[in-house]
Amino acid sequence: MNFIEKFQSVVILIAVGVGLFLGQYSIFEKNAETFILPFLLFMLYGLFLTIPLQNLKAALKNVKFLGTSTVLNFVWTPMLAWGLGAIFLSDHPALWLGFILFLVTPCTDWYLIFTSIARGNMSLSTSVLPVNLILQVMLLPAYLFIFAGTMETVGLSTIIESVIFVLFVPFLLANITRYLFNKKKAFLEKKLIPFFSLSQIVFLCLAIVAMFASQGYYLINNLEVIFLILIPLLLFFIINFFVAQTVGKVFKFSYEDTVSLNMTTIARNSPVALAIVVTAFPDQPLIALALIIGPLIELPVLAIVSQSLLRIRKLVK
């Protein structure tokens, strides 16, 4: 866990501040938008490159855990996100959509850090990563169409174009890269993958700076959305914590497996949805803002959850 990963929420917050500051100057505000998508594409390429699909075999062997995790992440979670949004954000459809898109994509990276802290089953958590990645790439367009269609926010053609360009292109390029360097695994695993693994947060922060700079004047006058989204987000994390704990007991999972289930159910993957939002909704910054605020709240929550699970472990023993 490098320095940037340890202070990821602080680094993201600094990127938001830098973007808001630059956005007050017209030269940055007018030109920043052109840099958002390239930075996000580099970040997604790195994300897809660092997750080997060969782990699919390992995930498929543990049918009970995989099935439980899949139902919680891709059936239960979208319904919970929609319900909480309907209660708290129905008067703010753009924010509601961003809230939903943030919550329907399970995390594929930093949740492993908190799984390790809480002494969870790391091999099991790692094995479900490619499953979560593939399913969210496949299902995110459906979620976007269903929820955005319900809110009459964007057309189907725009969604299809955005998904193909933003998700499938970097996903395809990442797997082509793995294929081309198949005979040079040392270079791939010791040079290329570590570089993109460490640089993901850098590209994400650059995209955030550009995004906030492009909408700086607008967003500086709408910071109240942080308070609008705070309560439903906290409720989502709290509800899913108890749901995962309950499901773990019902299926008689070990402590380690329950920790893995907790983390994969609570941790979210905002960069994937963020890339689509920037492409499909360039004129609705509040949608993107929800996806940026989410991790700022999520990371401290994951730290608290990991410590809470360790205390539960002591009580059980």
Protein backbone atom coordinates (compact mmCIF):
# COMPACT_ATOMS: atom_id res chain seq x y z
CA MET A 1 0.00 0.00 0.00
CA ASN A 2 1.89 3.10 -1.22
CA PHE A 3 1.66 6.63 0.15
CA ILE A 4 -0.99 7.77 -2.34
CA GLU A 5 -3.19 4.73 -1.61
CA LYS A 6 -3.00 5.37 2.15
CA PHE A 7 -4.18 8.95 1.74
CA GLN A 8 -6.35 8.41 -1.32
CA SER A 9 -9.35 10.32 0.03
CA VAL A 10 -7.13 13.28 0.95
CA VAL A 11 -5.47 13.24 -2.49
CA ILE A 12 -8.88 13.18 -4.21
CA LEU A 13 -10.07 16.05 -2.02
CA ILE A 14 -6.98 18.06 -2.95
CA ALA A 15 -7.69 17.36 -6.64
CA VAL A 16 -11.24 18.67 -6.15
CA GLY A 17 -9.87 21.83 -4.51
CA VAL A 18 -7.30 22.41 -7.27
CA GLY A 19 -9.99 21.94 -9.92
CA LEU A 20 -12.37 24.37 -8.20
CA PHE A 21 -9.57 26.92 -7.90
CA LEU A 22 -8.55 26.64 -11.57
CA GLY A 23 -12.19 26.74 -12.60
CA GLN A 24 -12.46 30.32 -11.40
CA TYR A 25 -10.24 31.37 -14.30
CA SER A 26 -11.92 31.38 -17.71
CA ILE A 27 -8.90 30.02 -19.61
CA PHE A 28 -8.99 26.82 -17.56
CA GLU A 29 -12.77 26.59 -17.40
CA LYS A 30 -13.11 26.75 -21.20
CA ASN A 31 -10.38 24.20 -22.04
CA ALA A 32 -10.37 21.74 -19.14
CA GLU A 33 -13.22 19.59 -20.47
CA THR A 34 -11.12 18.27 -23.38
CA PHE A 35 -8.73 16.58 -20.94
CA ILE A 36 -11.30 14.73 -18.82
CA LEU A 37 -12.02 11.76 -21.09
CA PRO A 38 -8.38 11.00 -22.07
CA PHE A 39 -7.35 10.85 -18.41
CA LEU A 40 -10.27 8.55 -17.57
CA LEU A 41 -9.51 6.28 -20.53
CA PHE A 42 -5.89 5.88 -19.39
CA MET A 43 -7.12 5.12 -15.88
CA LEU A 44 -9.62 2.49 -17.07
CA TYR A 45 -7.03 0.90 -19.36
CA GLY A 46 -4.76 0.52 -16.33
CA LEU A 47 -7.60 -0.84 -14.20
CA PHE A 48 -8.52 -3.49 -16.76
CA LEU A 49 -4.85 -4.35 -17.32
CA THR A 50 -4.19 -5.05 -13.65
CA ILE A 51 -7.04 -7.56 -13.26
CA PRO A 52 -6.14 -10.96 -14.81
CA LEU A 53 -9.17 -12.81 -16.15
CA GLN A 54 -7.59 -16.19 -15.44
CA ASN A 55 -8.76 -15.81 -11.83
CA LEU A 56 -12.26 -16.55 -13.13
CA LYS A 57 -11.66 -20.28 -12.68
CA ALA A 58 -10.86 -19.84 -8.99
CA ALA A 59 -14.00 -17.75 -8.44
CA LEU A 60 -16.25 -20.27 -10.16
CA LYS A 61 -15.13 -23.04 -7.80
CA ASN A 62 -16.70 -21.38 -4.74
CA VAL A 63 -20.27 -21.39 -6.01
CA LYS A 64 -21.90 -20.46 -2.70
CA PHE A 65 -19.79 -17.35 -2.10
CA LEU A 66 -19.82 -16.27 -5.74
CA GLY A 67 -23.59 -16.67 -6.00
CA THR A 68 -24.19 -14.77 -2.76
CA SER A 69 -21.81 -11.97 -3.71
CA THR A 70 -23.33 -11.67 -7.20
CA VAL A 71 -26.91 -11.44 -5.91
CA LEU A 72 -25.98 -8.84 -3.29
CA ASN A 73 -23.94 -6.72 -5.70
CA PHE A 74 -26.02 -6.89 -8.85
CA VAL A 75 -29.59 -7.49 -7.66
CA TRP A 76 -29.97 -6.28 -4.08
CA THR A 77 -27.67 -3.25 -4.30
CA PRO A 78 -29.33 -1.59 -7.35
CA MET A 79 -32.74 -1.95 -5.68
CA LEU A 80 -31.43 -0.50 -2.40
CA ALA A 81 -29.72 2.38 -4.24
CA TRP A 82 -32.86 3.19 -6.19
CA GLY A 83 -35.01 3.04 -3.05
CA LEU A 84 -32.75 5.31 -1.00
CA GLY A 85 -32.55 7.72 -3.91
CA ALA A 86 -36.33 7.75 -4.26
CA ILE A 87 -36.68 8.66 -0.59
CA PHE A 88 -33.95 11.31 -0.30
CA LEU A 89 -33.11 12.55 -3.83
CA SER A 90 -36.31 12.41 -5.88
CA ASP A 91 -36.31 16.22 -6.15
CA HIS A 92 -32.78 16.14 -7.59
CA PRO A 93 -32.86 13.64 -10.53
CA ALA A 94 -29.29 14.32 -11.70
CA LEU A 95 -27.91 13.73 -8.23
CA TRP A 96 -30.15 10.68 -7.85
CA LEU A 97 -28.77 9.15 -11.06
CA GLY A 98 -25.18 9.80 -10.01
CA PHE A 99 -25.93 8.28 -6.62
CA ILE A 100 -27.31 5.11 -8.23
CA LEU A 101 -24.44 4.76 -10.73
CA PHE A 102 -21.91 5.08 -7.92
CA LEU A 103 -23.56 2.32 -5.90
CA VAL A 104 -24.22 -0.29 -8.63
CA THR A 105 -20.53 -0.85 -9.44
CA PRO A 106 -18.66 -3.04 -6.89
CA CYS A 107 -15.06 -2.08 -6.23
CA THR A 108 -12.27 -3.86 -8.10
CA ASP A 109 -9.22 -2.48 -6.36
CA TRP A 110 -8.91 -0.78 -2.96
CA TYR A 111 -11.41 -3.02 -1.18
CA LEU A 112 -8.61 -5.61 -1.05
CA ILE A 113 -6.63 -3.25 1.17
CA PHE A 114 -9.41 -3.10 3.75
CA THR A 115 -10.11 -6.83 3.41
CA SER A 116 -6.48 -7.42 4.38
CA ILE A 117 -6.70 -5.00 7.32
CA ALA A 118 -9.78 -6.84 8.65
CA ARG A 119 -8.06 -10.25 8.19
CA GLY A 120 -10.45 -11.38 5.47
CA ASN A 121 -10.01 -14.14 2.90
CA MET A 122 -7.69 -12.43 0.43
CA SER A 123 -7.52 -15.26 -2.10
CA LEU A 124 -11.32 -15.45 -2.22
CA SER A 125 -11.64 -11.66 -2.55
CA THR A 126 -9.07 -11.60 -5.34
CA SER A 127 -10.78 -14.43 -7.21
CA VAL A 128 -14.11 -12.58 -7.51
CA LEU A 129 -12.50 -9.41 -8.89
CA PRO A 130 -12.71 -10.40 -12.58
CA VAL A 131 -16.30 -11.57 -12.11
CA ASN A 132 -17.30 -8.23 -10.58
CA LEU A 133 -15.45 -6.38 -13.32
CA ILE A 134 -17.03 -8.27 -16.21
CA LEU A 135 -20.54 -8.14 -14.75
CA GLN A 136 -20.41 -4.41 -14.10
CA VAL A 137 -19.09 -3.72 -17.59
CA MET A 138 -21.98 -5.81 -18.98
CA LEU A 139 -24.72 -4.57 -16.64
CA LEU A 140 -23.82 -0.90 -16.22
CA PRO A 141 -25.33 -0.03 -19.63
CA ALA A 142 -28.56 -1.76 -18.56
CA TYR A 143 -28.63 0.07 -15.23
CA LEU A 144 -27.91 3.34 -16.98
CA PHE A 145 -30.66 2.79 -19.53
CA ILE A 146 -33.21 1.69 -16.92
CA PHE A 147 -32.57 4.47 -14.43
CA ALA A 148 -31.72 7.24 -16.89
CA GLY A 149 -34.66 6.16 -19.06
CA THR A 150 -36.98 6.32 -16.09
CA MET A 151 -35.77 9.84 -15.39
CA GLU A 152 -35.86 10.73 -19.10
CA THR A 153 -32.28 11.95 -18.90
CA VAL A 154 -30.59 10.54 -22.01
CA GLY A 155 -31.38 8.43 -25.07
CA LEU A 156 -30.42 4.81 -25.70
CA SER A 157 -28.13 5.65 -28.62
CA THR A 158 -26.06 8.00 -26.44
CA ILE A 159 -25.72 5.32 -23.77
CA ILE A 160 -24.59 2.69 -26.29
CA GLU A 161 -22.01 5.02 -27.84
CA SER A 162 -20.66 6.01 -24.43
CA VAL A 163 -20.37 2.42 -23.19
CA ILE A 164 -18.66 1.14 -26.33
CA PHE A 165 -16.15 3.97 -26.39
CA VAL A 166 -15.47 4.36 -22.67
CA LEU A 167 -15.68 0.79 -21.39
CA PHE A 168 -15.16 -1.74 -24.15
CA VAL A 169 -12.33 0.08 -25.95
CA PRO A 170 -9.97 0.22 -22.91
CA PHE A 171 -11.15 -3.25 -21.84
CA LEU A 172 -10.30 -4.64 -25.28
CA LEU A 173 -6.96 -2.80 -25.47
CA ALA A 174 -5.96 -4.06 -22.01
CA ASN A 175 -6.60 -7.67 -23.00
CA ILE A 176 -4.83 -7.19 -26.35
CA THR A 177 -1.84 -5.87 -24.39
CA ARG A 178 -1.86 -8.98 -22.19
CA TYR A 179 -1.99 -11.17 -25.30
CA LEU A 180 0.84 -9.33 -27.08
CA PHE A 181 3.09 -9.52 -24.01
CA ASN A 182 2.19 -13.13 -23.26
CA LYS A 183 5.75 -14.21 -24.11
CA LYS A 184 7.26 -11.31 -22.16
CA LYS A 185 5.47 -11.85 -18.86
CA ALA A 186 8.40 -10.50 -16.86
CA PHE A 187 8.08 -7.07 -18.52
CA LEU A 188 4.29 -7.16 -18.26
CA GLU A 189 4.12 -8.17 -14.59
CA LYS A 190 7.17 -6.30 -13.27
CA LYS A 191 7.09 -3.11 -15.34
CA LEU A 192 3.86 -2.40 -17.22
CA ILE A 193 1.24 -3.57 -14.72
CA PRO A 194 2.92 -1.99 -11.65
CA PHE A 195 3.20 1.32 -13.53
CA PHE A 196 -0.49 1.42 -14.41
CA SER A 197 -1.46 0.11 -10.98
CA LEU A 198 0.31 3.03 -9.30
CA SER A 199 -0.75 5.59 -11.89
CA GLN A 200 -4.50 4.87 -11.74
CA ILE A 201 -5.05 7.30 -8.87
CA VAL A 202 -2.91 9.89 -10.70
CA PHE A 203 -5.02 9.71 -13.87
CA LEU A 204 -8.20 9.75 -11.76
CA CYS A 205 -7.06 12.87 -9.90
CA LEU A 206 -6.09 14.59 -13.15
CA ALA A 207 -9.56 13.81 -14.52
CA ILE A 208 -11.14 15.19 -11.34
CA VAL A 209 -9.06 18.38 -11.59
CA ALA A 210 -10.12 18.83 -15.22
CA MET A 211 -13.76 18.06 -14.42
CA PHE A 212 -14.02 20.51 -11.55
CA ALA A 213 -12.09 23.13 -13.48
CA SER A 214 -14.51 22.84 -16.41
CA GLN A 215 -17.52 23.28 -14.12
CA GLY A 216 -15.82 25.23 -11.36
CA TYR A 217 -18.09 28.25 -11.29
CA TYR A 218 -21.25 26.12 -11.33
CA LEU A 219 -20.10 23.64 -8.72
CA ILE A 220 -18.77 26.20 -6.25
CA ASN A 221 -22.34 27.44 -6.00
CA ASN A 222 -23.84 23.96 -5.54
CA LEU A 223 -21.72 22.43 -2.78
CA GLU A 224 -24.87 21.82 -0.74
CA VAL A 225 -25.25 18.56 -2.68
CA ILE A 226 -22.67 17.06 -0.30
CA PHE A 227 -25.21 17.30 2.51
CA LEU A 228 -28.03 16.03 0.28
CA ILE A 229 -26.15 12.84 -0.58
CA LEU A 230 -24.48 12.24 2.79
CA ILE A 231 -27.44 10.63 4.62
CA PRO A 232 -28.51 8.17 1.87
CA LEU A 233 -24.87 7.15 1.33
CA LEU A 234 -24.31 6.46 5.02
CA LEU A 235 -27.56 4.52 5.16
CA PHE A 236 -26.44 2.43 2.18
CA PHE A 237 -23.17 1.50 3.91
CA ILE A 238 -24.84 0.76 7.25
CA ILE A 239 -27.63 -1.35 5.74
CA ASN A 240 -25.23 -3.35 3.57
CA PHE A 241 -22.93 -3.98 6.53
CA PHE A 242 -25.74 -5.63 8.49
CA VAL A 243 -27.07 -7.42 5.40
CA ALA A 244 -23.66 -8.97 4.67
CA GLN A 245 -23.22 -9.95 8.33
CA THR A 246 -26.66 -11.56 8.39
CA VAL A 247 -26.15 -13.40 5.10
CA GLY A 248 -22.77 -14.63 6.33
CA LYS A 249 -24.41 -16.14 9.41
CA VAL A 250 -27.28 -17.68 7.43
CA PHE A 251 -24.88 -19.41 5.02
CA LYS A 252 -22.44 -20.24 7.85
CA PHE A 253 -19.49 -18.44 6.25
CA SER A 254 -16.29 -18.28 8.25
CA TYR A 255 -15.20 -14.95 9.71
CA GLU A 256 -12.69 -14.50 6.89
CA ASP A 257 -15.27 -15.19 4.17
CA THR A 258 -17.81 -12.89 5.84
CA VAL A 259 -15.24 -10.09 5.85
CA SER A 260 -14.69 -10.61 2.12
CA LEU A 261 -18.45 -10.52 1.54
CA ASN A 262 -18.76 -7.35 3.61
CA MET A 263 -16.04 -5.52 1.73
CA THR A 264 -17.15 -6.49 -1.76
CA THR A 265 -20.73 -5.48 -0.88
CA ILE A 266 -19.84 -2.12 0.68
CA ALA A 267 -16.91 -0.88 -1.46
CA ARG A 268 -17.85 0.80 -4.75
CA ASN A 269 -16.07 1.50 -8.04
CA SER A 270 -16.83 5.09 -9.06
CA PRO A 271 -14.19 5.51 -11.84
CA VAL A 272 -15.96 3.12 -14.24
CA ALA A 273 -19.31 4.89 -13.91
CA LEU A 274 -17.58 8.27 -13.90
CA ALA A 275 -16.06 7.65 -17.32
CA ILE A 276 -19.49 6.92 -18.81
CA VAL A 277 -21.12 9.88 -17.08
CA VAL A 278 -18.55 12.31 -18.44
CA THR A 279 -19.25 11.06 -21.97
CA ALA A 280 -23.04 10.66 -21.79
CA PHE A 281 -23.85 13.69 -19.60
CA PRO A 282 -21.25 16.39 -20.34
CA ASP A 283 -23.73 19.15 -19.52
CA GLN A 284 -24.92 17.72 -16.17
CA PRO A 285 -22.04 18.09 -13.68
CA LEU A 286 -24.20 17.16 -10.69
CA ILE A 287 -24.27 13.53 -11.87
CA ALA A 288 -20.47 13.43 -11.93
CA LEU A 289 -20.30 15.30 -8.63
CA ALA A 290 -22.20 12.49 -6.89
CA LEU A 291 -19.63 9.99 -8.20
CA ILE A 292 -16.77 12.13 -6.88
CA ILE A 293 -18.29 12.81 -3.48
CA GLY A 294 -19.00 9.09 -3.01
CA PRO A 295 -15.37 7.92 -2.53
CA LEU A 296 -14.67 10.80 -0.14
CA ILE A 297 -17.32 9.32 2.17
CA GLU A 298 -16.70 5.68 1.29
CA LEU A 299 -13.01 5.43 2.21
CA PRO A 300 -13.40 6.56 5.85
CA VAL A 301 -16.41 4.22 6.11
CA LEU A 302 -14.33 1.26 4.88
CA ALA A 303 -11.68 2.08 7.47
CA ILE A 304 -14.33 2.10 10.22
CA VAL A 305 -15.89 -1.14 8.93
CA SER A 306 -12.52 -2.93 8.90
CA GLN A 307 -11.87 -1.94 12.52
CA SER A 308 -15.42 -2.93 13.52
CA LEU A 309 -14.94 -6.36 11.96
CA LEU A 310 -11.70 -6.84 13.88
CA ARG A 311 -13.57 -6.08 17.12
CA ILE A 312 -16.28 -8.59 16.17
CA ARG A 313 -13.50 -11.14 15.57
CA LYS A 314 -12.16 -10.60 19.09
CA LEU A 315 -15.61 -10.98 20.62
CA VAL A 316 -16.25 -14.22 18.72
CA LYS A 317 -12.95 -15.67 19.89
